[in-house]
Amino acid sequence: MVEVLIAPQEIERRVKELAEEIEEALPSPFVVISLLKGAFIFTADLVRNFRDVELDFMKVESYRGREKGKTKMTLEPKISLEGKRVLIVDDIFDTGESLDFAFRWAKAKGALDVKTCVLLDKEVEKRTSLKPDFVGFRIPDYFVVGYGLDLDEKFRQLSYIGYLKE
């Protein structure tokens, strides 16, 4: 059973606030790199609020079900990042390894400036010193689903963030 943790109205309000914070801190134009699959709904809602962006996708895999594995890239963005400002958007910052991987990759591709944005920052021990520049919500150590986040490809379509009640 899925219990509501963050309601759709709260998500909508916070996404608009995040977009304003990002536009103030990161001069246009910039490239948005969305980490698939979990961040695709969040990214879609976020970029609708920006004036001048390019959008591409990256897939970094580290989970199988609830189990954390080795981080690897399985889809690389096609847009050149050389000399550009970049915003990497991820769904959840738990151990931090996926976002750290994407951040280091963007820097290695010659990005002028790289900022990071996460919908959720989970209160768990991190495995990186990287800290997201923009955070939607801080959440307890729950396994969450909805608004793009899944468990074995299920629950992504939920309009809210929920947690699985055991």
N, C-alpha and C. Protein backbone atom coordinates (compact mmCIF):
# COMPACT_ATOMS: atom_id res chain seq x y z
N MET A 1 0.83 -1.18 0.00
CA MET A 1 0.00 0.00 0.00
C MET A 1 0.88 1.25 0.00
N VAL A 2 0.49 2.25 -0.81
CA VAL A 2 1.26 3.50 -0.92
C VAL A 2 0.57 4.59 -0.10
N GLU A 3 1.33 5.19 0.80
CA GLU A 3 0.83 6.30 1.63
C GLU A 3 1.38 7.61 1.06
N VAL A 4 0.56 8.64 1.04
CA VAL A 4 0.98 9.95 0.52
C VAL A 4 1.99 10.58 1.48
N LEU A 5 3.11 11.00 0.93
CA LEU A 5 4.12 11.73 1.69
C LEU A 5 4.10 13.22 1.29
N ILE A 6 4.03 13.49 -0.03
CA ILE A 6 3.98 14.86 -0.53
C ILE A 6 2.85 14.93 -1.57
N ALA A 7 1.87 15.78 -1.30
CA ALA A 7 0.69 15.90 -2.15
C ALA A 7 1.01 16.63 -3.47
N PRO A 8 0.21 16.39 -4.51
CA PRO A 8 0.44 17.04 -5.81
C PRO A 8 0.52 18.57 -5.73
N GLN A 9 -0.31 19.19 -4.91
CA GLN A 9 -0.30 20.65 -4.80
C GLN A 9 1.01 21.16 -4.21
N GLU A 10 1.55 20.42 -3.24
CA GLU A 10 2.84 20.80 -2.65
C GLU A 10 3.95 20.69 -3.69
N ILE A 11 3.91 19.64 -4.49
CA ILE A 11 4.92 19.43 -5.53
C ILE A 11 4.85 20.57 -6.54
N GLU A 12 3.66 20.89 -7.01
CA GLU A 12 3.48 21.94 -8.01
C GLU A 12 4.01 23.28 -7.51
N ARG A 13 3.68 23.63 -6.27
CA ARG A 13 4.14 24.89 -5.67
C ARG A 13 5.66 24.92 -5.57
N ARG A 14 6.25 23.82 -5.10
CA ARG A 14 7.70 23.79 -4.89
C ARG A 14 8.47 23.79 -6.20
N VAL A 15 7.94 23.14 -7.23
CA VAL A 15 8.61 23.14 -8.54
C VAL A 15 8.69 24.55 -9.09
N LYS A 16 7.63 25.33 -8.95
CA LYS A 16 7.65 26.73 -9.41
C LYS A 16 8.67 27.55 -8.63
N GLU A 17 8.72 27.33 -7.32
CA GLU A 17 9.71 28.03 -6.49
C GLU A 17 11.13 27.66 -6.91
N LEU A 18 11.37 26.38 -7.14
CA LEU A 18 12.70 25.93 -7.57
C LEU A 18 13.09 26.59 -8.89
N ALA A 19 12.16 26.64 -9.82
CA ALA A 19 12.44 27.25 -11.12
C ALA A 19 12.87 28.71 -10.95
N GLU A 20 12.20 29.43 -10.07
CA GLU A 20 12.56 30.83 -9.81
C GLU A 20 13.96 30.91 -9.20
N GLU A 21 14.26 30.04 -8.24
CA GLU A 21 15.59 30.02 -7.61
C GLU A 21 16.67 29.73 -8.65
N ILE A 22 16.41 28.78 -9.51
CA ILE A 22 17.38 28.38 -10.53
C ILE A 22 17.60 29.52 -11.52
N GLU A 23 16.54 30.14 -12.00
CA GLU A 23 16.66 31.23 -12.98
C GLU A 23 17.44 32.41 -12.39
N GLU A 24 17.31 32.65 -11.09
CA GLU A 24 18.08 33.73 -10.44
C GLU A 24 19.56 33.38 -10.36
N ALA A 25 19.86 32.11 -10.12
CA ALA A 25 21.24 31.69 -9.87
C ALA A 25 22.01 31.27 -11.13
N LEU A 26 21.31 30.86 -12.16
CA LEU A 26 21.97 30.32 -13.35
C LEU A 26 21.51 31.12 -14.58
N PRO A 27 22.39 32.00 -15.09
CA PRO A 27 21.99 32.84 -16.22
C PRO A 27 21.63 32.00 -17.45
N SER A 28 20.58 32.43 -18.16
CA SER A 28 20.19 31.79 -19.42
C SER A 28 21.17 32.21 -20.50
N PRO A 29 21.34 31.40 -21.53
CA PRO A 29 20.77 30.07 -21.69
C PRO A 29 21.59 29.03 -20.93
N PHE A 30 20.94 27.91 -20.66
CA PHE A 30 21.65 26.78 -20.06
C PHE A 30 21.06 25.47 -20.57
N VAL A 31 21.82 24.40 -20.36
CA VAL A 31 21.40 23.07 -20.78
C VAL A 31 20.88 22.32 -19.56
N VAL A 32 19.72 21.72 -19.70
CA VAL A 32 19.17 20.87 -18.65
C VAL A 32 19.42 19.43 -19.05
N ILE A 33 20.07 18.69 -18.16
CA ILE A 33 20.27 17.25 -18.36
C ILE A 33 19.42 16.54 -17.32
N SER A 34 18.43 15.80 -17.79
CA SER A 34 17.52 15.07 -16.90
C SER A 34 18.00 13.63 -16.78
N LEU A 35 18.10 13.16 -15.54
CA LEU A 35 18.51 11.78 -15.33
C LEU A 35 17.28 10.87 -15.40
N LEU A 36 17.33 9.97 -16.35
CA LEU A 36 16.23 9.04 -16.59
C LEU A 36 16.35 7.81 -15.70
N LYS A 37 15.25 7.20 -15.42
CA LYS A 37 13.91 7.54 -15.81
C LYS A 37 13.24 8.37 -14.75
N GLY A 38 13.74 8.31 -13.52
CA GLY A 38 13.04 8.88 -12.39
C GLY A 38 12.76 10.36 -12.43
N ALA A 39 13.61 11.15 -13.09
CA ALA A 39 13.45 12.60 -13.05
C ALA A 39 12.64 13.15 -14.22
N PHE A 40 12.11 12.31 -15.10
CA PHE A 40 11.49 12.84 -16.32
C PHE A 40 10.24 13.67 -16.05
N ILE A 41 9.39 13.30 -15.12
CA ILE A 41 8.18 14.08 -14.84
C ILE A 41 8.55 15.40 -14.15
N PHE A 42 9.43 15.31 -13.17
CA PHE A 42 9.92 16.50 -12.47
C PHE A 42 10.56 17.47 -13.46
N THR A 43 11.42 16.96 -14.34
CA THR A 43 12.09 17.80 -15.32
C THR A 43 11.09 18.48 -16.25
N ALA A 44 10.10 17.73 -16.72
CA ALA A 44 9.09 18.30 -17.62
C ALA A 44 8.38 19.47 -16.95
N ASP A 45 7.99 19.30 -15.71
CA ASP A 45 7.31 20.39 -15.00
C ASP A 45 8.26 21.56 -14.74
N LEU A 46 9.50 21.27 -14.43
CA LEU A 46 10.48 22.31 -14.14
C LEU A 46 10.79 23.16 -15.37
N VAL A 47 11.09 22.51 -16.51
CA VAL A 47 11.53 23.26 -17.70
C VAL A 47 10.42 24.13 -18.30
N ARG A 48 9.18 23.82 -18.02
CA ARG A 48 8.08 24.66 -18.51
C ARG A 48 8.16 26.07 -17.92
N ASN A 49 8.90 26.23 -16.85
CA ASN A 49 9.04 27.52 -16.18
C ASN A 49 10.28 28.31 -16.61
N PHE A 50 11.12 27.73 -17.47
CA PHE A 50 12.35 28.40 -17.89
C PHE A 50 12.15 29.14 -19.21
N ARG A 51 12.95 30.19 -19.41
CA ARG A 51 12.85 31.00 -20.62
C ARG A 51 13.68 30.44 -21.77
N ASP A 52 14.92 30.06 -21.51
CA ASP A 52 15.84 29.72 -22.60
C ASP A 52 16.73 28.55 -22.19
N VAL A 53 16.31 27.34 -22.55
CA VAL A 53 17.09 26.16 -22.21
C VAL A 53 17.13 25.18 -23.38
N GLU A 54 18.16 24.36 -23.37
CA GLU A 54 18.22 23.17 -24.20
C GLU A 54 17.98 22.01 -23.24
N LEU A 55 17.44 20.91 -23.74
CA LEU A 55 17.11 19.78 -22.89
C LEU A 55 17.66 18.50 -23.49
N ASP A 56 18.28 17.70 -22.65
CA ASP A 56 18.75 16.38 -23.07
C ASP A 56 18.62 15.43 -21.89
N PHE A 57 18.92 14.17 -22.16
CA PHE A 57 18.72 13.13 -21.15
C PHE A 57 19.95 12.27 -20.99
N MET A 58 20.11 11.77 -19.77
CA MET A 58 21.20 10.86 -19.44
C MET A 58 20.58 9.75 -18.59
N LYS A 59 21.05 8.55 -18.81
CA LYS A 59 20.56 7.45 -17.97
C LYS A 59 21.75 6.88 -17.21
N VAL A 60 21.63 6.96 -15.90
CA VAL A 60 22.65 6.42 -15.00
C VAL A 60 21.93 5.40 -14.14
N GLU A 61 22.40 4.18 -14.18
CA GLU A 61 21.72 3.12 -13.43
C GLU A 61 22.54 2.71 -12.22
N SER A 62 21.81 2.52 -11.12
CA SER A 62 22.48 2.05 -9.90
C SER A 62 21.56 1.17 -9.06
N TYR A 63 20.28 1.07 -9.44
CA TYR A 63 19.33 0.28 -8.64
C TYR A 63 18.76 -0.87 -9.45
N ARG A 64 18.49 -1.93 -8.78
CA ARG A 64 17.69 -3.03 -9.32
C ARG A 64 16.69 -3.37 -8.22
N GLY A 65 15.43 -2.97 -8.43
CA GLY A 65 14.45 -3.11 -7.35
C GLY A 65 14.82 -2.16 -6.24
N ARG A 66 14.99 -2.69 -5.03
CA ARG A 66 15.39 -1.86 -3.88
C ARG A 66 16.88 -1.95 -3.59
N GLU A 67 17.60 -2.74 -4.38
CA GLU A 67 19.02 -2.99 -4.11
C GLU A 67 19.92 -2.05 -4.91
N LYS A 68 20.88 -1.44 -4.21
CA LYS A 68 21.85 -0.53 -4.82
C LYS A 68 22.97 -1.36 -5.43
N GLY A 69 23.35 -0.99 -6.65
CA GLY A 69 24.44 -1.68 -7.33
C GLY A 69 25.50 -0.71 -7.80
N LYS A 70 26.29 -1.12 -8.79
CA LYS A 70 27.35 -0.28 -9.34
C LYS A 70 26.75 0.80 -10.25
N THR A 71 27.26 2.02 -10.16
CA THR A 71 26.77 3.13 -10.97
C THR A 71 27.41 3.08 -12.35
N LYS A 72 26.56 3.18 -13.40
CA LYS A 72 27.07 3.17 -14.77
C LYS A 72 26.14 3.98 -15.67
N MET A 73 26.70 4.57 -16.73
CA MET A 73 25.91 5.33 -17.69
C MET A 73 25.43 4.38 -18.78
N THR A 74 24.13 4.45 -19.08
CA THR A 74 23.58 3.61 -20.14
C THR A 74 22.99 4.44 -21.29
N LEU A 75 22.88 5.77 -21.10
CA LEU A 75 22.46 6.67 -22.18
C LEU A 75 23.18 7.99 -21.97
N GLU A 76 23.91 8.41 -22.99
CA GLU A 76 24.69 9.64 -22.92
C GLU A 76 23.97 10.77 -23.65
N PRO A 77 23.98 11.99 -23.09
CA PRO A 77 23.37 13.13 -23.79
C PRO A 77 24.06 13.38 -25.13
N LYS A 78 23.30 13.91 -26.09
CA LYS A 78 23.83 14.20 -27.42
C LYS A 78 24.31 15.65 -27.55
N ILE A 79 23.76 16.55 -26.74
CA ILE A 79 24.13 17.96 -26.80
C ILE A 79 25.56 18.14 -26.28
N SER A 80 26.34 18.93 -27.01
CA SER A 80 27.68 19.26 -26.53
C SER A 80 27.57 20.19 -25.32
N LEU A 81 28.36 19.90 -24.30
CA LEU A 81 28.34 20.73 -23.09
C LEU A 81 29.52 21.70 -23.04
N GLU A 82 30.39 21.61 -24.00
CA GLU A 82 31.60 22.43 -24.06
C GLU A 82 31.26 23.91 -23.93
N GLY A 83 31.77 24.55 -22.85
CA GLY A 83 31.59 25.99 -22.64
C GLY A 83 30.19 26.42 -22.26
N LYS A 84 29.32 25.48 -21.90
CA LYS A 84 27.93 25.83 -21.57
C LYS A 84 27.66 25.70 -20.08
N ARG A 85 26.63 26.41 -19.64
CA ARG A 85 26.12 26.25 -18.27
C ARG A 85 25.18 25.06 -18.28
N VAL A 86 25.26 24.24 -17.25
CA VAL A 86 24.49 22.99 -17.21
C VAL A 86 23.77 22.87 -15.88
N LEU A 87 22.54 22.40 -15.96
CA LEU A 87 21.77 22.04 -14.77
C LEU A 87 21.43 20.56 -14.89
N ILE A 88 21.90 19.77 -13.94
CA ILE A 88 21.58 18.35 -13.91
C ILE A 88 20.42 18.16 -12.95
N VAL A 89 19.36 17.51 -13.43
CA VAL A 89 18.15 17.31 -12.65
C VAL A 89 18.00 15.83 -12.33
N ASP A 90 17.85 15.52 -11.05
CA ASP A 90 17.67 14.14 -10.61
C ASP A 90 16.44 14.06 -9.70
N ASP A 91 15.92 12.87 -9.58
CA ASP A 91 14.73 12.68 -8.76
C ASP A 91 15.05 12.66 -7.27
N ILE A 92 16.03 11.85 -6.88
CA ILE A 92 16.28 11.68 -5.45
C ILE A 92 17.78 11.60 -5.17
N PHE A 93 18.18 12.27 -4.13
CA PHE A 93 19.57 12.28 -3.68
C PHE A 93 19.63 11.44 -2.42
N ASP A 94 20.02 10.18 -2.59
CA ASP A 94 20.14 9.32 -1.40
C ASP A 94 21.63 9.12 -1.10
N THR A 95 22.29 8.15 -1.68
CA THR A 95 23.73 8.02 -1.43
C THR A 95 24.50 9.11 -2.15
N GLY A 96 23.92 9.65 -3.23
CA GLY A 96 24.56 10.72 -3.98
C GLY A 96 25.42 10.26 -5.13
N GLU A 97 25.57 8.95 -5.29
CA GLU A 97 26.50 8.43 -6.30
C GLU A 97 26.08 8.72 -7.74
N SER A 98 24.80 8.62 -8.04
CA SER A 98 24.34 8.88 -9.41
C SER A 98 24.55 10.34 -9.80
N LEU A 99 24.17 11.25 -8.92
CA LEU A 99 24.33 12.67 -9.21
C LEU A 99 25.80 13.05 -9.29
N ASP A 100 26.61 12.50 -8.41
CA ASP A 100 28.04 12.76 -8.43
C ASP A 100 28.64 12.26 -9.75
N PHE A 101 28.23 11.09 -10.20
CA PHE A 101 28.68 10.52 -11.47
C PHE A 101 28.35 11.47 -12.62
N ALA A 102 27.09 11.94 -12.68
CA ALA A 102 26.64 12.84 -13.74
C ALA A 102 27.37 14.18 -13.67
N PHE A 103 27.56 14.70 -12.48
CA PHE A 103 28.27 15.97 -12.28
C PHE A 103 29.70 15.87 -12.82
N ARG A 104 30.42 14.82 -12.42
CA ARG A 104 31.81 14.65 -12.88
C ARG A 104 31.87 14.47 -14.39
N TRP A 105 30.90 13.75 -14.95
CA TRP A 105 30.84 13.53 -16.41
C TRP A 105 30.67 14.87 -17.13
N ALA A 106 29.75 15.71 -16.66
CA ALA A 106 29.49 17.01 -17.29
C ALA A 106 30.73 17.90 -17.23
N LYS A 107 31.40 17.91 -16.09
CA LYS A 107 32.64 18.70 -15.96
C LYS A 107 33.69 18.20 -16.95
N ALA A 108 33.82 16.88 -17.08
CA ALA A 108 34.80 16.29 -17.99
C ALA A 108 34.48 16.60 -19.45
N LYS A 109 33.22 16.88 -19.75
CA LYS A 109 32.80 17.22 -21.11
C LYS A 109 32.96 18.71 -21.40
N GLY A 110 33.55 19.46 -20.47
CA GLY A 110 33.89 20.85 -20.71
C GLY A 110 32.82 21.87 -20.36
N ALA A 111 31.87 21.49 -19.54
CA ALA A 111 30.84 22.44 -19.12
C ALA A 111 31.48 23.61 -18.38
N LEU A 112 31.01 24.80 -18.68
CA LEU A 112 31.50 26.02 -18.05
C LEU A 112 31.14 26.06 -16.57
N ASP A 113 29.90 25.68 -16.27
CA ASP A 113 29.39 25.69 -14.90
C ASP A 113 28.37 24.56 -14.80
N VAL A 114 28.41 23.81 -13.71
CA VAL A 114 27.46 22.72 -13.51
C VAL A 114 26.76 22.91 -12.17
N LYS A 115 25.45 23.01 -12.22
CA LYS A 115 24.62 23.08 -11.02
C LYS A 115 23.76 21.82 -10.98
N THR A 116 23.29 21.48 -9.79
CA THR A 116 22.49 20.27 -9.63
C THR A 116 21.19 20.60 -8.91
N CYS A 117 20.14 19.89 -9.31
CA CYS A 117 18.82 20.07 -8.71
C CYS A 117 18.21 18.69 -8.47
N VAL A 118 17.70 18.48 -7.27
CA VAL A 118 17.03 17.22 -6.95
C VAL A 118 15.65 17.53 -6.38
N LEU A 119 14.71 16.67 -6.71
CA LEU A 119 13.38 16.81 -6.15
C LEU A 119 13.41 16.47 -4.67
N LEU A 120 14.09 15.36 -4.34
CA LEU A 120 14.09 14.86 -2.97
C LEU A 120 15.51 14.65 -2.47
N ASP A 121 15.76 15.03 -1.24
CA ASP A 121 17.03 14.74 -0.56
C ASP A 121 16.68 13.85 0.63
N LYS A 122 17.07 12.60 0.52
CA LYS A 122 16.74 11.62 1.56
C LYS A 122 17.75 11.71 2.71
N GLU A 123 17.24 11.67 3.92
CA GLU A 123 18.08 11.76 5.11
C GLU A 123 18.76 10.42 5.38
N VAL A 124 19.81 10.17 4.60
CA VAL A 124 20.63 8.98 4.76
C VAL A 124 22.09 9.39 4.64
N GLU A 125 22.98 8.50 5.00
CA GLU A 125 24.41 8.77 4.87
C GLU A 125 24.78 8.82 3.40
N LYS A 126 25.48 9.87 3.01
CA LYS A 126 25.89 10.06 1.62
C LYS A 126 27.24 9.39 1.39
N ARG A 127 27.47 9.04 0.13
CA ARG A 127 28.75 8.44 -0.26
C ARG A 127 29.55 9.38 -1.16
N THR A 128 29.24 10.67 -1.06
CA THR A 128 29.92 11.69 -1.86
C THR A 128 29.95 12.99 -1.06
N SER A 129 30.87 13.86 -1.42
CA SER A 129 30.90 15.18 -0.79
C SER A 129 30.04 16.19 -1.56
N LEU A 130 29.56 15.80 -2.74
CA LEU A 130 28.71 16.66 -3.54
C LEU A 130 27.41 16.96 -2.79
N LYS A 131 27.00 18.21 -2.83
CA LYS A 131 25.72 18.62 -2.25
C LYS A 131 24.90 19.28 -3.35
N PRO A 132 23.63 18.91 -3.51
CA PRO A 132 22.82 19.52 -4.56
C PRO A 132 22.69 21.03 -4.34
N ASP A 133 22.69 21.77 -5.44
CA ASP A 133 22.54 23.23 -5.36
C ASP A 133 21.09 23.62 -5.08
N PHE A 134 20.15 22.82 -5.56
CA PHE A 134 18.73 23.12 -5.39
C PHE A 134 18.00 21.85 -4.96
N VAL A 135 17.21 21.96 -3.90
CA VAL A 135 16.52 20.79 -3.33
C VAL A 135 15.04 21.12 -3.19
N GLY A 136 14.21 20.22 -3.69
CA GLY A 136 12.77 20.39 -3.55
C GLY A 136 12.30 20.12 -2.14
N PHE A 137 12.52 18.90 -1.67
CA PHE A 137 12.06 18.48 -0.35
C PHE A 137 13.10 17.59 0.31
N ARG A 138 13.23 17.71 1.61
CA ARG A 138 14.04 16.76 2.40
C ARG A 138 13.06 15.76 2.99
N ILE A 139 13.41 14.48 2.87
CA ILE A 139 12.50 13.43 3.33
C ILE A 139 13.21 12.44 4.24
N PRO A 140 12.45 11.75 5.09
CA PRO A 140 13.05 10.70 5.92
C PRO A 140 13.50 9.53 5.05
N ASP A 141 14.14 8.58 5.66
CA ASP A 141 14.66 7.40 4.96
C ASP A 141 13.52 6.43 4.63
N TYR A 142 12.68 6.83 3.68
CA TYR A 142 11.61 5.98 3.18
C TYR A 142 11.95 5.57 1.74
N PHE A 143 11.46 4.41 1.33
CA PHE A 143 11.53 4.05 -0.08
C PHE A 143 10.31 4.68 -0.73
N VAL A 144 10.54 5.69 -1.60
CA VAL A 144 9.45 6.48 -2.14
C VAL A 144 9.18 6.15 -3.61
N VAL A 145 7.92 6.37 -4.00
CA VAL A 145 7.49 6.14 -5.37
C VAL A 145 6.55 7.28 -5.78
N GLY A 146 6.26 7.34 -7.07
CA GLY A 146 5.36 8.34 -7.60
C GLY A 146 6.08 9.52 -8.19
N TYR A 147 5.37 10.30 -9.01
CA TYR A 147 5.92 11.49 -9.67
C TYR A 147 7.23 11.16 -10.38
N GLY A 148 7.26 9.98 -11.02
CA GLY A 148 8.43 9.54 -11.78
C GLY A 148 9.25 8.47 -11.09
N LEU A 149 9.20 8.39 -9.77
CA LEU A 149 9.97 7.38 -9.05
C LEU A 149 9.22 6.06 -9.05
N ASP A 150 9.98 4.97 -9.09
CA ASP A 150 9.34 3.67 -9.26
C ASP A 150 9.88 2.60 -8.31
N LEU A 151 9.18 1.49 -8.34
CA LEU A 151 9.65 0.23 -7.79
C LEU A 151 9.41 -0.79 -8.89
N ASP A 152 10.47 -1.27 -9.50
CA ASP A 152 10.37 -2.22 -10.62
C ASP A 152 9.41 -1.71 -11.70
N GLU A 153 9.55 -0.43 -12.08
CA GLU A 153 8.79 0.24 -13.14
C GLU A 153 7.32 0.49 -12.80
N LYS A 154 6.92 0.27 -11.58
CA LYS A 154 5.54 0.54 -11.16
C LYS A 154 5.51 1.83 -10.33
N PHE A 155 4.36 2.48 -10.31
CA PHE A 155 4.05 3.66 -9.50
C PHE A 155 4.55 4.99 -10.05
N ARG A 156 5.29 5.02 -11.17
CA ARG A 156 5.80 6.28 -11.71
C ARG A 156 4.68 7.28 -12.00
N GLN A 157 3.51 6.79 -12.38
CA GLN A 157 2.42 7.64 -12.84
C GLN A 157 1.69 8.38 -11.72
N LEU A 158 1.95 8.05 -10.48
CA LEU A 158 1.25 8.70 -9.38
C LEU A 158 1.55 10.21 -9.39
N SER A 159 0.56 11.02 -9.09
CA SER A 159 0.73 12.47 -9.11
C SER A 159 1.35 13.00 -7.82
N TYR A 160 1.57 12.13 -6.87
CA TYR A 160 2.14 12.50 -5.58
C TYR A 160 3.37 11.65 -5.29
N ILE A 161 4.12 12.03 -4.25
CA ILE A 161 5.22 11.21 -3.75
C ILE A 161 4.64 10.40 -2.61
N GLY A 162 4.81 9.10 -2.69
CA GLY A 162 4.31 8.23 -1.64
C GLY A 162 5.41 7.30 -1.16
N TYR A 163 5.13 6.66 -0.04
CA TYR A 163 6.07 5.67 0.46
C TYR A 163 5.31 4.35 0.62
N LEU A 164 6.07 3.29 0.50
CA LEU A 164 5.46 1.97 0.59
C LEU A 164 5.34 1.56 2.04
N LYS A 165 4.15 1.29 2.44
CA LYS A 165 3.89 0.84 3.80
C LYS A 165 4.05 -0.66 3.82
N GLU A 166 4.92 -1.15 4.65
CA GLU A 166 5.20 -2.60 4.70
C GLU A 166 4.01 -3.38 5.19
